[in-house]
N, C-alpha and C. Protein backbone atom coordinates (compact mmCIF):
# COMPACT_ATOMS: atom_id res chain seq x y z
N UNK A 1 5.26 -9.69 6.22
CA UNK A 1 4.93 -8.82 5.80
C UNK A 1 2.93 -8.44 6.63
N UNK A 2 3.23 -6.92 7.06
CA UNK A 2 1.49 -6.32 7.34
C UNK A 2 0.95 -6.32 5.73
N UNK A 3 -0.09 -6.38 6.13
CA UNK A 3 -1.06 -5.88 4.88
C UNK A 3 -2.46 -5.38 5.07
N UNK A 4 -2.54 -4.27 4.70
CA UNK A 4 -3.04 -2.95 4.67
C UNK A 4 -4.78 -3.66 4.73
N UNK A 5 -6.25 -3.48 5.69
CA UNK A 5 -7.27 -3.88 5.51
C UNK A 5 -8.38 -2.71 5.30
N UNK A 6 -7.84 -1.12 5.68
CA UNK A 6 -8.26 0.44 5.24
C UNK A 6 -7.58 1.02 5.28
N UNK A 7 -7.09 2.36 4.70
CA UNK A 7 -6.71 2.88 4.36
C UNK A 7 -7.30 4.15 3.95
N UNK A 8 -6.61 5.74 5.16
CA UNK A 8 -6.86 6.95 4.72
C UNK A 8 -5.72 7.55 4.69
N UNK A 9 -5.83 8.32 3.65
CA UNK A 9 -5.09 9.10 2.27
C UNK A 9 -5.35 10.76 2.83
N UNK A 10 -4.59 11.25 4.26
CA UNK A 10 -4.80 12.76 4.83
C UNK A 10 -3.51 13.49 3.43
N UNK A 11 -3.86 14.75 4.25
CA UNK A 11 -3.03 15.93 3.04
C UNK A 11 -1.35 15.29 3.68
N UNK A 12 -1.39 15.24 4.25
CA UNK A 12 0.52 15.63 5.29
C UNK A 12 0.33 13.81 5.54
N UNK A 13 -0.35 12.56 6.28
CA UNK A 13 0.39 11.09 6.46
C UNK A 13 -1.31 10.55 4.94
N UNK A 14 -0.78 9.62 5.68
CA UNK A 14 -1.70 8.13 5.69
C UNK A 14 -1.99 7.34 7.07
N UNK A 15 -2.99 6.73 6.91
CA UNK A 15 -3.54 6.42 8.23
C UNK A 15 -4.80 4.80 8.58
N UNK A 16 -3.54 3.70 8.67
CA UNK A 16 -3.61 2.84 7.89
C UNK A 16 -3.98 1.37 8.82
N UNK A 17 -5.50 1.17 8.51
CA UNK A 17 -5.98 -0.59 9.62
C UNK A 17 -5.05 -1.53 9.24
N UNK A 18 -4.42 -2.26 9.44
CA UNK A 18 -3.74 -3.62 8.86
C UNK A 18 -4.13 -4.77 9.91
N UNK A 19 -4.12 -5.75 9.18
CA UNK A 19 -4.79 -7.02 9.38
C UNK A 19 -4.90 -7.21 10.56
N UNK A 20 -3.82 -7.58 11.68
CA UNK A 20 -4.12 -8.67 12.68
C UNK A 20 -4.28 -7.32 13.79
N UNK A 21 -4.20 -6.02 13.66
CA UNK A 21 -3.64 -5.26 14.64
C UNK A 21 -5.91 -4.31 14.72
N UNK A 22 -5.60 -3.78 16.41
CA UNK A 22 -6.89 -2.88 15.90
C UNK A 22 -6.50 -1.92 16.26
N UNK A 23 -5.25 -1.18 16.91
CA UNK A 23 -5.28 0.71 16.39
C UNK A 23 -5.04 0.95 14.90
N UNK A 24 -5.15 1.34 14.79
CA UNK A 24 -4.67 2.41 13.14
C UNK A 24 -3.43 2.77 13.55
N UNK A 25 -2.31 3.14 12.22
CA UNK A 25 -0.98 3.58 11.98
C UNK A 25 -1.03 5.01 10.97
N UNK A 26 -0.33 6.47 11.63
CA UNK A 26 -0.77 7.19 11.29
C UNK A 26 1.22 6.65 11.10
N UNK A 27 0.82 7.46 9.32
CA UNK A 27 2.43 7.43 9.00
C UNK A 27 2.92 8.73 8.76
N UNK A 28 3.88 9.55 8.18
CA UNK A 28 2.89 10.42 7.87
C UNK A 28 4.62 10.21 6.04
N UNK A 29 3.77 10.67 5.28
CA UNK A 29 4.60 10.83 3.53
C UNK A 29 5.71 10.62 3.72
N UNK A 30 6.63 11.82 4.84
CA UNK A 30 7.92 12.31 4.40
C UNK A 30 8.57 10.67 4.61
N UNK A 31 8.01 9.60 5.03
CA UNK A 31 9.12 8.86 5.81
C UNK A 31 9.13 7.19 4.74
N UNK A 32 7.92 7.89 3.69
CA UNK A 32 8.48 6.59 2.07
C UNK A 32 9.48 6.58 1.84
N UNK A 33 10.02 5.47 1.92
CA UNK A 33 11.01 5.38 1.52
C UNK A 33 11.32 4.85 0.12
N UNK A 34 10.57 3.98 -1.24
CA UNK A 34 10.35 3.46 -1.79
C UNK A 34 8.81 2.73 -2.40
N UNK A 35 8.33 2.20 -3.52
CA UNK A 35 7.18 1.61 -3.16
C UNK A 35 6.90 0.91 -4.71
N UNK A 36 7.25 -0.35 -4.51
CA UNK A 36 7.67 -1.54 -5.08
C UNK A 36 5.88 -2.12 -5.52
N UNK A 37 5.52 -1.08 -6.99
CA UNK A 37 4.16 -1.96 -7.71
C UNK A 37 3.88 -3.68 -8.38
N UNK A 38 2.92 -4.64 -7.96
CA UNK A 38 3.29 -5.61 -8.34
C UNK A 38 1.97 -6.54 -9.05
N UNK A 39 2.22 -7.12 -10.44
CA UNK A 39 0.24 -7.54 -10.23
C UNK A 39 0.06 -9.05 -10.43
N UNK A 40 -0.01 -9.81 -9.71
CA UNK A 40 -0.13 -11.08 -9.45
C UNK A 40 -1.27 -11.92 -9.88
N UNK A 41 -1.10 -13.28 -10.39
CA UNK A 41 -2.00 -14.13 -10.74
C UNK A 41 -2.23 -14.68 -10.43
N UNK A 42 -2.96 -15.01 -8.65
CA UNK A 42 -4.04 -15.74 -7.47
C UNK A 42 -4.58 -17.26 -7.89
N UNK A 43 -4.05 -18.25 -7.58
CA UNK A 43 -5.08 -19.69 -8.25
C UNK A 43 -6.65 -19.07 -7.20
N UNK A 44 -7.45 -19.49 -8.06
CA UNK A 44 -9.20 -19.91 -7.03
C UNK A 44 -9.96 -20.96 -7.25
N UNK A 45 -9.96 -22.29 -6.78
CA UNK A 45 -10.22 -23.17 -6.60
C UNK A 45 -10.42 -23.35 -9.16
N UNK A 46 -11.58 -23.07 -9.07
CA UNK A 46 -10.83 -23.73 -10.43
C UNK A 46 -10.35 -22.25 -12.18
N UNK A 47 -10.42 -21.50 -10.66
CA UNK A 47 -9.93 -19.81 -11.69
C UNK A 47 -8.86 -19.05 -11.53
N UNK A 48 -7.86 -18.04 -11.81
CA UNK A 48 -7.26 -17.38 -11.64
C UNK A 48 -7.43 -16.02 -11.48
N UNK A 49 -6.83 -15.07 -10.26
CA UNK A 49 -7.73 -13.72 -10.43
C UNK A 49 -5.71 -12.69 -10.13
N UNK A 50 -6.01 -12.53 -11.22
CA UNK A 50 -4.91 -11.33 -10.91
C UNK A 50 -5.45 -10.35 -9.80
N UNK A 51 -4.06 -9.76 -9.19
CA UNK A 51 -3.99 -8.93 -8.32
C UNK A 51 -2.66 -8.08 -7.55
N UNK A 52 -3.21 -6.91 -7.97
CA UNK A 52 -2.96 -5.78 -8.01
C UNK A 52 -1.94 -5.22 -6.03
N UNK A 53 -1.16 -6.00 -6.41
CA UNK A 53 -0.31 -4.89 -4.76
C UNK A 53 0.77 -3.14 -5.44
N UNK A 54 0.71 -3.27 -4.16
CA UNK A 54 2.09 -2.50 -3.40
C UNK A 54 2.47 -2.12 -2.81
N UNK A 55 3.44 -2.54 -2.64
CA UNK A 55 4.66 -2.27 -1.27
C UNK A 55 5.36 -1.04 -1.19
N UNK A 56 4.39 -1.00 0.28
CA UNK A 56 5.00 0.58 1.08
C UNK A 56 6.93 0.36 1.60
N UNK A 57 7.81 0.18 1.49
CA UNK A 57 8.82 0.89 1.76
C UNK A 57 9.01 2.75 3.15
N UNK A 58 9.14 1.45 4.28
CA UNK A 58 9.15 3.31 5.01
C UNK A 58 10.73 2.89 5.69
N UNK A 59 11.33 4.56 5.86
CA UNK A 59 12.63 4.79 7.10
C UNK A 59 12.01 4.32 8.27
N UNK A 60 12.94 4.27 9.16
CA UNK A 60 13.01 3.28 10.08
C UNK A 60 12.63 1.93 10.71
N UNK A 61 11.77 1.17 9.08
CA UNK A 61 10.82 0.06 9.83
C UNK A 61 11.39 -0.71 8.76
N UNK A 62 11.33 -2.89 9.32
CA UNK A 62 12.31 -3.19 8.53
C UNK A 62 11.54 -3.96 7.53
N UNK A 63 9.81 -4.18 7.88
CA UNK A 63 9.03 -5.00 7.21
C UNK A 63 8.60 -3.85 5.97
N UNK A 64 7.96 -4.18 4.83
CA UNK A 64 7.62 -3.06 4.45
C UNK A 64 5.83 -3.62 4.34
N UNK A 65 5.51 -2.09 4.23
CA UNK A 65 3.46 -2.25 3.94
C UNK A 65 3.14 -2.88 2.66
N UNK A 66 2.09 -3.34 3.09
CA UNK A 66 1.83 -4.06 1.39
C UNK A 66 -0.12 -3.83 1.48
N UNK A 67 -0.36 -3.15 0.63
CA UNK A 67 -1.09 -2.98 0.13
C UNK A 67 -1.97 -3.59 -1.33
N UNK A 68 -3.13 -4.15 -1.26
CA UNK A 68 -3.61 -5.35 -2.03
C UNK A 68 -5.21 -4.70 -2.84
N UNK A 69 -5.07 -5.03 -3.96
CA UNK A 69 -6.23 -5.15 -4.81
C UNK A 69 -7.28 -5.19 -3.92
N UNK A 70 -6.71 -6.76 -3.24
CA UNK A 70 -8.33 -8.15 -2.90
C UNK A 70 -8.27 -7.47 -1.55
N UNK A 71 -7.72 -6.80 -1.31
CA UNK A 71 -8.18 -6.43 0.70
C UNK A 71 -8.59 -4.84 0.30
N UNK A 72 -8.23 -4.21 -0.38
CA UNK A 72 -9.12 -2.85 0.00
C UNK A 72 -9.78 -2.08 -0.91
N UNK A 73 -10.86 -1.90 -0.80
CA UNK A 73 -12.14 -2.22 -2.14
C UNK A 73 -11.93 -0.82 -3.16
N UNK A 74 -11.38 0.09 -3.03
CA UNK A 74 -11.56 1.12 -4.03
C UNK A 74 -10.01 1.14 -4.26
N UNK A 75 -9.45 0.61 -4.54
CA UNK A 75 -8.11 0.48 -4.82
C UNK A 75 -6.81 1.19 -6.14
N UNK A 76 -7.49 2.01 -6.76
CA UNK A 76 -6.88 1.99 -7.97
C UNK A 76 -7.15 3.56 -8.06
N UNK A 77 -8.05 4.54 -6.85
CA UNK A 77 -8.34 5.70 -6.41
C UNK A 77 -6.69 5.51 -5.56
N UNK A 78 -7.04 4.33 -5.32
CA UNK A 78 -5.69 3.90 -3.65
C UNK A 78 -4.09 4.98 -4.03
N UNK A 79 -4.11 4.05 -5.51
CA UNK A 79 -2.90 3.52 -6.01
C UNK A 79 -2.63 5.28 -6.84
N UNK A 80 -3.88 5.68 -6.98
CA UNK A 80 -3.63 6.82 -8.39
C UNK A 80 -2.51 7.94 -7.31
N UNK A 81 -3.30 8.35 -5.99
CA UNK A 81 -2.89 8.94 -5.00
C UNK A 81 -2.54 8.97 -4.09
N UNK A 82 -1.63 7.69 -3.83
CA UNK A 82 -0.57 7.24 -3.94
C UNK A 82 0.86 7.82 -4.96
N UNK A 83 0.01 7.59 -5.79
CA UNK A 83 1.47 8.23 -7.26
C UNK A 83 1.26 9.69 -6.81
N UNK A 84 0.08 10.35 -6.80
CA UNK A 84 0.87 11.35 -6.51
C UNK A 84 1.33 11.95 -5.23
N UNK A 85 1.27 11.54 -4.74
CA UNK A 85 2.38 11.14 -3.42
C UNK A 85 3.44 11.46 -3.33
N UNK A 86 3.66 10.51 -4.21
CA UNK A 86 5.75 9.64 -4.80
C UNK A 86 6.24 10.87 -5.95
N UNK A 87 5.31 11.24 -6.09
CA UNK A 87 5.92 12.93 -7.06
C UNK A 87 6.12 13.25 -6.51
N UNK A 88 5.63 14.20 -5.46
CA UNK A 88 5.51 15.69 -4.28
C UNK A 88 6.52 14.90 -3.28
N UNK A 89 7.05 14.03 -2.99
CA UNK A 89 7.85 13.85 -1.73
C UNK A 89 9.16 13.57 -2.77
N UNK A 90 8.58 12.92 -4.06
CA UNK A 90 9.95 12.42 -4.65
C UNK A 90 10.81 11.08 -4.39
N UNK A 91 10.03 10.37 -3.88
CA UNK A 91 9.70 8.71 -3.62
C UNK A 91 10.17 7.78 -4.92
N UNK A 92 10.91 6.66 -5.20
CA UNK A 92 11.18 5.66 -5.70
C UNK A 92 9.61 4.83 -5.98
N UNK A 93 9.30 4.82 -7.71
CA UNK A 93 8.31 4.02 -7.57
C UNK A 93 9.04 2.60 -8.51
N UNK A 94 9.29 1.42 -8.56
CA UNK A 94 9.92 0.30 -8.85
C UNK A 94 8.44 -0.47 -9.09
N UNK A 95 8.76 -1.05 -10.47
CA UNK A 95 7.76 -2.18 -11.28
C UNK A 95 6.94 -1.04 -12.24
């Protein structure tokens, strides 16, 4: 699954920079099919870190794109904006 390292949420589309790609992807919000919110515990040496993530499934794409709180700096604002976009475009949210 491709992971997002940078995200820009514009008015009608999102611009995603993925982990192992140089050029950013422009994806219209209308292509969003569904989103899955998850919380996971990741073990780091002697302690456990809680990581939030959102899997975005798009029409016409086989693999979902994942945004994690570990890789995106302002995860809370990104999550809130994506929830508003999902509500506006009638996208199903699971989790």
